Amino acid sequence: KRGRPIARKSFLGQYKGKNSKSEMTVGKDITGISGATISS
């Protein structure tokens, strides 16, 4: 219903350069999408 923001470059661009040693936690290292936490 409200998932479109997860397809935006501003959200997906946060992952660029990440690797197995990178921290990737929504709300900490990754800014999640308000209203789409599960999809984030």
All heavy atoms as atom14 arrays in JSON, in Angstrom:
{
  "sequence": "KRGRPIARKSFLGQYKGKNSKSEMTVGKDITGISGATISS",
  "atom14_mask": [
    [1, 1, 1, 1, 1, 1, 1, 1, 1, 0, 0, 0, 0, 0],
    [1, 1, 1, 1, 1, 1, 1, 1, 1, 1, 1, 0, 0, 0],
    [1, 1, 1, 1, 0, 0, 0, 0, 0, 0, 0, 0, 0, 0],
    [1, 1, 1, 1, 1, 1, 1, 1, 1, 1, 1, 0, 0, 0],
    [1, 1, 1, 1, 1, 1, 1, 0, 0, 0, 0, 0, 0, 0],
    [1, 1, 1, 1, 1, 1, 1, 1, 0, 0, 0, 0, 0, 0],
    [1, 1, 1, 1, 1, 0, 0, 0, 0, 0, 0, 0, 0, 0],
    [1, 1, 1, 1, 1, 1, 1, 1, 1, 1, 1, 0, 0, 0],
    [1, 1, 1, 1, 1, 1, 1, 1, 1, 0, 0, 0, 0, 0],
    [1, 1, 1, 1, 1, 1, 0, 0, 0, 0, 0, 0, 0, 0],
    [1, 1, 1, 1, 1, 1, 1, 1, 1, 1, 1, 0, 0, 0],
    [1, 1, 1, 1, 1, 1, 1, 1, 0, 0, 0, 0, 0, 0],
    [1, 1, 1, 1, 0, 0, 0, 0, 0, 0, 0, 0, 0, 0],
    [1, 1, 1, 1, 1, 1, 1, 1, 1, 0, 0, 0, 0, 0],
    [1, 1, 1, 1, 1, 1, 1, 1, 1, 1, 1, 1, 0, 0],
    [1, 1, 1, 1, 1, 1, 1, 1, 1, 0, 0, 0, 0, 0],
    [1, 1, 1, 1, 0, 0, 0, 0, 0, 0, 0, 0, 0, 0],
    [1, 1, 1, 1, 1, 1, 1, 1, 1, 0, 0, 0, 0, 0],
    [1, 1, 1, 1, 1, 1, 1, 1, 0, 0, 0, 0, 0, 0],
    [1, 1, 1, 1, 1, 1, 0, 0, 0, 0, 0, 0, 0, 0],
    [1, 1, 1, 1, 1, 1, 1, 1, 1, 0, 0, 0, 0, 0],
    [1, 1, 1, 1, 1, 1, 0, 0, 0, 0, 0, 0, 0, 0],
    [1, 1, 1, 1, 1, 1, 1, 1, 1, 0, 0, 0, 0, 0],
    [1, 1, 1, 1, 1, 1, 1, 1, 0, 0, 0, 0, 0, 0],
    [1, 1, 1, 1, 1, 1, 1, 0, 0, 0, 0, 0, 0, 0],
    [1, 1, 1, 1, 1, 1, 1, 0, 0, 0, 0, 0, 0, 0],
    [1, 1, 1, 1, 0, 0, 0, 0, 0, 0, 0, 0, 0, 0],
    [1, 1, 1, 1, 1, 1, 1, 1, 1, 0, 0, 0, 0, 0],
    [1, 1, 1, 1, 1, 1, 1, 1, 0, 0, 0, 0, 0, 0],
    [1, 1, 1, 1, 1, 1, 1, 1, 0, 0, 0, 0, 0, 0],
    [1, 1, 1, 1, 1, 1, 1, 0, 0, 0, 0, 0, 0, 0],
    [1, 1, 1, 1, 0, 0, 0, 0, 0, 0, 0, 0, 0, 0],
    [1, 1, 1, 1, 1, 1, 1, 1, 0, 0, 0, 0, 0, 0],
    [1, 1, 1, 1, 1, 1, 0, 0, 0, 0, 0, 0, 0, 0],
    [1, 1, 1, 1, 0, 0, 0, 0, 0, 0, 0, 0, 0, 0],
    [1, 1, 1, 1, 1, 0, 0, 0, 0, 0, 0, 0, 0, 0],
    [1, 1, 1, 1, 1, 1, 1, 0, 0, 0, 0, 0, 0, 0],
    [1, 1, 1, 1, 1, 1, 1, 1, 0, 0, 0, 0, 0, 0],
    [1, 1, 1, 1, 1, 1, 0, 0, 0, 0, 0, 0, 0, 0],
    [1, 1, 1, 1, 1, 1, 0, 0, 0, 0, 0, 0, 0, 0]
  ],
  "atom14_positions": [
    [[0.84, -1.2, 0.0], [0.0, 0.0, 0.0], [0.87, 1.24, 0.0], [0.59, 2.21, -0.67], [-0.9, 0.03, 1.24], [-1.94, -1.04, 1.29], [-2.72, -0.89, 2.58], [-3.47, -2.16, 2.89], [-4.12, -2.09, 4.19], [0.0, 0.0, 0.0], [0.0, 0.0, 0.0], [0.0, 0.0, 0.0], [0.0, 0.0, 0.0], [0.0, 0.0, 0.0]],
    [[1.91, 1.2, 0.81], [2.78, 2.37, 0.95], [4.24, 2.01, 0.67], [5.14, 2.59, 1.22], [2.66, 2.92, 2.38], [1.27, 3.39, 2.73], [1.2, 3.92, 4.15], [1.5, 2.92, 5.17], [0.62, 2.12, 5.71], [-0.63, 2.16, 5.33], [0.96, 1.27, 6.64], [0.0, 0.0, 0.0], [0.0, 0.0, 0.0], [0.0, 0.0, 0.0]],
    [[4.44, 1.04, -0.2], [5.79, 0.52, -0.4], [6.66, 1.24, -1.4], [7.85, 0.98, -1.49], [0.0, 0.0, 0.0], [0.0, 0.0, 0.0], [0.0, 0.0, 0.0], [0.0, 0.0, 0.0], [0.0, 0.0, 0.0], [0.0, 0.0, 0.0], [0.0, 0.0, 0.0], [0.0, 0.0, 0.0], [0.0, 0.0, 0.0], [0.0, 0.0, 0.0]],
    [[6.09, 2.13, -2.18], [6.85, 2.78, -3.26], [8.18, 3.4, -2.8], [9.17, 3.3, -3.5], [5.98, 3.84, -3.93], [6.71, 4.6, -5.02], [6.29, 4.14, -6.36], [7.1, 4.78, -7.39], [7.24, 4.29, -8.57], [6.63, 3.19, -8.89], [7.98, 4.89, -9.47], [0.0, 0.0, 0.0], [0.0, 0.0, 0.0], [0.0, 0.0, 0.0]],
    [[8.24, 4.03, -1.62], [9.51, 4.65, -1.21], [10.69, 3.68, -1.11], [11.83, 4.09, -1.24], [9.2, 5.26, 0.14], [7.73, 5.55, 0.09], [7.15, 4.4, -0.7], [0.0, 0.0, 0.0], [0.0, 0.0, 0.0], [0.0, 0.0, 0.0], [0.0, 0.0, 0.0], [0.0, 0.0, 0.0], [0.0, 0.0, 0.0], [0.0, 0.0, 0.0]],
    [[10.44, 2.37, -0.93], [11.59, 1.45, -0.86], [12.26, 1.29, -2.21], [13.37, 0.77, -2.29], [11.22, 0.06, -0.29], [10.25, -0.67, -1.22], [10.73, 0.14, 1.13], [10.2, -2.16, -0.98], [0.0, 0.0, 0.0], [0.0, 0.0, 0.0], [0.0, 0.0, 0.0], [0.0, 0.0, 0.0], [0.0, 0.0, 0.0], [0.0, 0.0, 0.0]],
    [[11.62, 1.73, -3.28], [12.22, 1.64, -4.61], [12.97, 2.91, -4.98], [13.59, 2.96, -6.05], [11.13, 1.37, -5.65], [0.0, 0.0, 0.0], [0.0, 0.0, 0.0], [0.0, 0.0, 0.0], [0.0, 0.0, 0.0], [0.0, 0.0, 0.0], [0.0, 0.0, 0.0], [0.0, 0.0, 0.0], [0.0, 0.0, 0.0], [0.0, 0.0, 0.0]],
    [[12.96, 3.9, -4.13], [13.64, 5.17, -4.44], [15.15, 5.04, -4.29], [15.66, 4.35, -3.4], [13.14, 6.28, -3.51], [11.73, 6.68, -3.8], [11.34, 7.86, -2.95], [9.94, 8.18, -3.18], [9.15, 8.7, -2.26], [9.61, 8.97, -1.06], [7.89, 8.94, -2.53], [0.0, 0.0, 0.0], [0.0, 0.0, 0.0], [0.0, 0.0, 0.0]],
    [[15.86, 5.75, -5.15], [17.33, 5.75, -5.1], [17.84, 6.27, -3.76], [18.86, 5.82, -3.27], [17.9, 6.58, -6.24], [17.74, 5.95, -7.59], [18.34, 6.81, -8.68], [18.1, 6.21, -10.04], [18.64, 7.04, -11.12], [0.0, 0.0, 0.0], [0.0, 0.0, 0.0], [0.0, 0.0, 0.0], [0.0, 0.0, 0.0], [0.0, 0.0, 0.0]],
    [[17.11, 7.21, -3.17], [17.55, 7.77, -1.89], [17.58, 6.71, -0.79], [18.43, 6.74, 0.09], [16.65, 8.94, -1.47], [15.31, 8.53, -1.37], [0.0, 0.0, 0.0], [0.0, 0.0, 0.0], [0.0, 0.0, 0.0], [0.0, 0.0, 0.0], [0.0, 0.0, 0.0], [0.0, 0.0, 0.0], [0.0, 0.0, 0.0], [0.0, 0.0, 0.0]],
    [[16.67, 5.74, -0.85], [16.67, 4.65, 0.12], [17.68, 3.58, -0.29], [18.54, 3.18, 0.51], [15.27, 4.04, 0.26], [15.25, 2.79, 1.11], [15.51, 2.86, 2.47], [14.99, 1.56, 0.55], [15.51, 1.71, 3.25], [14.99, 0.41, 1.32], [15.25, 0.48, 2.68], [0.0, 0.0, 0.0], [0.0, 0.0, 0.0], [0.0, 0.0, 0.0]],
    [[17.6, 3.12, -1.52], [18.45, 2.01, -1.97], [19.92, 2.4, -2.06], [20.8, 1.55, -1.91], [17.96, 1.51, -3.33], [16.55, 0.91, -3.33], [16.1, 0.59, -4.75], [16.48, -0.32, -2.44], [0.0, 0.0, 0.0], [0.0, 0.0, 0.0], [0.0, 0.0, 0.0], [0.0, 0.0, 0.0], [0.0, 0.0, 0.0], [0.0, 0.0, 0.0]],
    [[20.2, 3.68, -2.25], [21.58, 4.16, -2.33], [22.37, 3.96, -1.04], [23.6, 3.96, -1.05], [0.0, 0.0, 0.0], [0.0, 0.0, 0.0], [0.0, 0.0, 0.0], [0.0, 0.0, 0.0], [0.0, 0.0, 0.0], [0.0, 0.0, 0.0], [0.0, 0.0, 0.0], [0.0, 0.0, 0.0], [0.0, 0.0, 0.0], [0.0, 0.0, 0.0]],
    [[21.66, 3.78, 0.08], [22.33, 3.56, 1.36], [23.15, 2.26, 1.39], [24.06, 2.11, 2.19], [21.3, 3.47, 2.5], [20.49, 4.71, 2.7], [19.49, 4.51, 3.81], [19.81, 4.75, 4.98], [18.29, 4.04, 3.48], [0.0, 0.0, 0.0], [0.0, 0.0, 0.0], [0.0, 0.0, 0.0], [0.0, 0.0, 0.0], [0.0, 0.0, 0.0]],
    [[22.81, 1.33, 0.51], [23.48, 0.03, 0.5], [24.76, 0.02, -0.33], [25.58, -0.88, -0.18], [22.52, -1.05, 0.0], [21.32, -1.2, 0.89], [20.11, -0.59, 0.58], [21.39, -1.93, 2.08], [19.0, -0.71, 1.41], [20.29, -2.06, 2.91], [19.1, -1.44, 2.57], [18.01, -1.55, 3.4], [0.0, 0.0, 0.0], [0.0, 0.0, 0.0]],
    [[24.92, 1.02, -1.19], [26.09, 1.05, -2.07], [27.37, 1.02, -1.25], [27.54, 1.77, -0.29], [26.06, 2.3, -2.96], [27.15, 2.3, -3.98], [27.02, 3.43, -4.97], [28.13, 3.31, -6.0], [27.99, 4.29, -7.06], [0.0, 0.0, 0.0], [0.0, 0.0, 0.0], [0.0, 0.0, 0.0], [0.0, 0.0, 0.0], [0.0, 0.0, 0.0]],
    [[28.27, 0.13, -1.63], [29.55, 0.0, -0.94], [29.52, -0.9, 0.28], [30.57, -1.25, 0.82], [0.0, 0.0, 0.0], [0.0, 0.0, 0.0], [0.0, 0.0, 0.0], [0.0, 0.0, 0.0], [0.0, 0.0, 0.0], [0.0, 0.0, 0.0], [0.0, 0.0, 0.0], [0.0, 0.0, 0.0], [0.0, 0.0, 0.0], [0.0, 0.0, 0.0]],
    [[28.34, -1.3, 0.74], [28.25, -2.18, 1.92], [28.79, -3.55, 1.56], [28.7, -4.01, 0.42], [26.8, -2.31, 2.39], [26.15, -1.01, 2.8], [26.55, -0.6, 4.18], [25.73, 0.6, 4.64], [26.19, 1.14, 5.88], [0.0, 0.0, 0.0], [0.0, 0.0, 0.0], [0.0, 0.0, 0.0], [0.0, 0.0, 0.0], [0.0, 0.0, 0.0]],
    [[29.36, -4.22, 2.57], [29.87, -5.57, 2.38], [29.57, -6.39, 3.63], [28.87, -5.91, 4.53], [31.36, -5.55, 2.04], [32.2, -4.92, 3.12], [31.93, -5.06, 4.31], [33.22, -4.18, 2.72], [0.0, 0.0, 0.0], [0.0, 0.0, 0.0], [0.0, 0.0, 0.0], [0.0, 0.0, 0.0], [0.0, 0.0, 0.0], [0.0, 0.0, 0.0]],
    [[30.12, -7.57, 3.71], [29.8, -8.46, 4.83], [30.3, -7.93, 6.18], [29.83, -8.36, 7.22], [30.37, -9.86, 4.59], [31.78, -9.8, 4.45], [0.0, 0.0, 0.0], [0.0, 0.0, 0.0], [0.0, 0.0, 0.0], [0.0, 0.0, 0.0], [0.0, 0.0, 0.0], [0.0, 0.0, 0.0], [0.0, 0.0, 0.0], [0.0, 0.0, 0.0]],
    [[31.22, -6.99, 6.15], [31.71, -6.41, 7.41], [30.95, -5.16, 7.81], [31.15, -4.63, 8.9], [33.2, -6.11, 7.28], [34.03, -7.37, 7.13], [35.48, -7.07, 6.99], [36.22, -8.4, 6.87], [37.51, -8.28, 6.26], [0.0, 0.0, 0.0], [0.0, 0.0, 0.0], [0.0, 0.0, 0.0], [0.0, 0.0, 0.0], [0.0, 0.0, 0.0]],
    [[30.08, -4.68, 6.94], [29.32, -3.46, 7.21], [28.15, -3.75, 8.14], [27.51, -4.79, 8.04], [28.75, -2.88, 5.91], [29.77, -2.61, 4.99], [0.0, 0.0, 0.0], [0.0, 0.0, 0.0], [0.0, 0.0, 0.0], [0.0, 0.0, 0.0], [0.0, 0.0, 0.0], [0.0, 0.0, 0.0], [0.0, 0.0, 0.0], [0.0, 0.0, 0.0]],
    [[27.89, -2.79, 9.02], [26.69, -2.87, 9.85], [25.51, -2.47, 8.98], [25.56, -1.48, 8.27], [26.8, -1.92, 11.05], [27.86, -2.33, 12.05], [27.53, -3.63, 12.78], [26.34, -3.89, 13.02], [28.47, -4.37, 13.11], [0.0, 0.0, 0.0], [0.0, 0.0, 0.0], [0.0, 0.0, 0.0], [0.0, 0.0, 0.0], [0.0, 0.0, 0.0]],
    [[24.45, -3.27, 9.02], [23.24, -2.95, 8.25], [22.02, -3.25, 9.12], [21.43, -4.32, 9.03], [23.18, -3.78, 6.96], [24.11, -3.29, 5.88], [23.82, -4.1, 4.29], [24.74, -5.62, 4.52], [0.0, 0.0, 0.0], [0.0, 0.0, 0.0], [0.0, 0.0, 0.0], [0.0, 0.0, 0.0], [0.0, 0.0, 0.0], [0.0, 0.0, 0.0]],
    [[21.68, -2.31, 9.95], [20.51, -2.44, 10.82], [19.58, -1.27, 10.55], [20.0, -0.11, 10.65], [20.93, -2.44, 12.31], [21.89, -3.48, 12.52], [19.74, -2.66, 13.21], [0.0, 0.0, 0.0], [0.0, 0.0, 0.0], [0.0, 0.0, 0.0], [0.0, 0.0, 0.0], [0.0, 0.0, 0.0], [0.0, 0.0, 0.0], [0.0, 0.0, 0.0]],
    [[18.33, -1.59, 10.21], [17.35, -0.54, 9.95], [17.09, 0.23, 11.24], [16.9, -0.35, 12.3], [16.03, -1.14, 9.41], [14.95, -0.06, 9.27], [16.28, -1.81, 8.07], [0.0, 0.0, 0.0], [0.0, 0.0, 0.0], [0.0, 0.0, 0.0], [0.0, 0.0, 0.0], [0.0, 0.0, 0.0], [0.0, 0.0, 0.0], [0.0, 0.0, 0.0]],
    [[17.14, 1.54, 11.14], [16.94, 2.4, 12.3], [18.25, 2.78, 12.97], [18.28, 3.62, 13.85], [0.0, 0.0, 0.0], [0.0, 0.0, 0.0], [0.0, 0.0, 0.0], [0.0, 0.0, 0.0], [0.0, 0.0, 0.0], [0.0, 0.0, 0.0], [0.0, 0.0, 0.0], [0.0, 0.0, 0.0], [0.0, 0.0, 0.0], [0.0, 0.0, 0.0]],
    [[19.33, 2.15, 12.54], [20.64, 2.44, 13.12], [21.6, 2.85, 12.0], [22.0, 3.98, 11.91], [21.14, 1.2, 13.87], [22.38, 1.43, 14.68], [22.73, 0.19, 15.48], [24.02, 0.39, 16.24], [24.45, -0.83, 16.91], [0.0, 0.0, 0.0], [0.0, 0.0, 0.0], [0.0, 0.0, 0.0], [0.0, 0.0, 0.0], [0.0, 0.0, 0.0]],
    [[21.96, 1.89, 11.15], [22.89, 2.15, 10.05], [22.16, 2.45, 8.74], [22.71, 3.05, 7.84], [23.8, 0.94, 9.83], [24.3, 0.38, 11.13], [25.09, 1.05, 11.8], [23.85, -0.73, 11.52], [0.0, 0.0, 0.0], [0.0, 0.0, 0.0], [0.0, 0.0, 0.0], [0.0, 0.0, 0.0], [0.0, 0.0, 0.0], [0.0, 0.0, 0.0]],
    [[20.94, 1.97, 8.65], [20.09, 2.16, 7.47], [18.86, 2.94, 7.9], [18.16, 2.53, 8.83], [19.66, 0.81, 6.84], [20.88, -0.01, 6.41], [18.69, 1.02, 5.7], [21.7, 0.57, 5.28], [0.0, 0.0, 0.0], [0.0, 0.0, 0.0], [0.0, 0.0, 0.0], [0.0, 0.0, 0.0], [0.0, 0.0, 0.0], [0.0, 0.0, 0.0]],
    [[18.6, 4.06, 7.25], [17.41, 4.85, 7.55], [16.23, 4.19, 6.85], [16.18, 4.14, 5.62], [17.56, 6.31, 7.07], [18.72, 6.86, 7.69], [16.34, 7.13, 7.42], [0.0, 0.0, 0.0], [0.0, 0.0, 0.0], [0.0, 0.0, 0.0], [0.0, 0.0, 0.0], [0.0, 0.0, 0.0], [0.0, 0.0, 0.0], [0.0, 0.0, 0.0]],
    [[15.3, 3.65, 7.64], [14.13, 2.97, 7.09], [13.11, 3.96, 6.56], [13.22, 5.17, 6.75], [0.0, 0.0, 0.0], [0.0, 0.0, 0.0], [0.0, 0.0, 0.0], [0.0, 0.0, 0.0], [0.0, 0.0, 0.0], [0.0, 0.0, 0.0], [0.0, 0.0, 0.0], [0.0, 0.0, 0.0], [0.0, 0.0, 0.0], [0.0, 0.0, 0.0]],
    [[12.11, 3.42, 5.9], [11.02, 4.22, 5.36], [9.88, 4.21, 6.37], [9.4, 3.15, 6.77], [10.52, 3.63, 4.02], [11.64, 3.56, 2.98], [9.33, 4.41, 3.5], [12.2, 4.88, 2.56], [0.0, 0.0, 0.0], [0.0, 0.0, 0.0], [0.0, 0.0, 0.0], [0.0, 0.0, 0.0], [0.0, 0.0, 0.0], [0.0, 0.0, 0.0]],
    [[9.46, 5.39, 6.79], [8.35, 5.51, 7.73], [7.1, 4.91, 7.11], [6.74, 5.21, 5.98], [8.12, 6.98, 8.06], [7.04, 7.11, 8.94], [0.0, 0.0, 0.0], [0.0, 0.0, 0.0], [0.0, 0.0, 0.0], [0.0, 0.0, 0.0], [0.0, 0.0, 0.0], [0.0, 0.0, 0.0], [0.0, 0.0, 0.0], [0.0, 0.0, 0.0]],
    [[6.44, 4.01, 7.83], [5.24, 3.35, 7.33], [5.55, 2.12, 6.51], [4.64, 1.42, 6.07], [0.0, 0.0, 0.0], [0.0, 0.0, 0.0], [0.0, 0.0, 0.0], [0.0, 0.0, 0.0], [0.0, 0.0, 0.0], [0.0, 0.0, 0.0], [0.0, 0.0, 0.0], [0.0, 0.0, 0.0], [0.0, 0.0, 0.0], [0.0, 0.0, 0.0]],
    [[6.83, 1.83, 6.27], [7.22, 0.65, 5.5], [8.42, -0.03, 6.17], [9.38, -0.42, 5.52], [7.55, 1.03, 4.06], [0.0, 0.0, 0.0], [0.0, 0.0, 0.0], [0.0, 0.0, 0.0], [0.0, 0.0, 0.0], [0.0, 0.0, 0.0], [0.0, 0.0, 0.0], [0.0, 0.0, 0.0], [0.0, 0.0, 0.0], [0.0, 0.0, 0.0]],
    [[8.33, -0.17, 7.48], [9.43, -0.75, 8.26], [9.69, -2.2, 7.85], [10.85, -2.61, 7.72], [9.12, -0.68, 9.77], [8.88, 0.69, 10.1], [10.26, -1.21, 10.6], [0.0, 0.0, 0.0], [0.0, 0.0, 0.0], [0.0, 0.0, 0.0], [0.0, 0.0, 0.0], [0.0, 0.0, 0.0], [0.0, 0.0, 0.0], [0.0, 0.0, 0.0]],
    [[8.63, -2.98, 7.65], [8.8, -4.38, 7.28], [9.53, -4.49, 5.94], [10.46, -5.28, 5.78], [7.45, -5.12, 7.25], [6.95, -5.31, 8.69], [7.54, -6.45, 6.52], [5.56, -5.89, 8.82], [0.0, 0.0, 0.0], [0.0, 0.0, 0.0], [0.0, 0.0, 0.0], [0.0, 0.0, 0.0], [0.0, 0.0, 0.0], [0.0, 0.0, 0.0]],
    [[9.13, -3.66, 4.98], [9.79, -3.69, 3.66], [11.22, -3.18, 3.75], [12.1, -3.66, 3.04], [8.99, -2.86, 2.66], [7.72, -3.45, 2.48], [0.0, 0.0, 0.0], [0.0, 0.0, 0.0], [0.0, 0.0, 0.0], [0.0, 0.0, 0.0], [0.0, 0.0, 0.0], [0.0, 0.0, 0.0], [0.0, 0.0, 0.0], [0.0, 0.0, 0.0]],
    [[11.48, -2.21, 4.61], [12.84, -1.71, 4.81], [13.74, -2.82, 5.35], [14.87, -3.02, 4.9], [12.85, -0.52, 5.78], [12.08, 0.54, 5.29], [0.0, 0.0, 0.0], [0.0, 0.0, 0.0], [0.0, 0.0, 0.0], [0.0, 0.0, 0.0], [0.0, 0.0, 0.0], [0.0, 0.0, 0.0], [0.0, 0.0, 0.0], [0.0, 0.0, 0.0]]
  ]
}
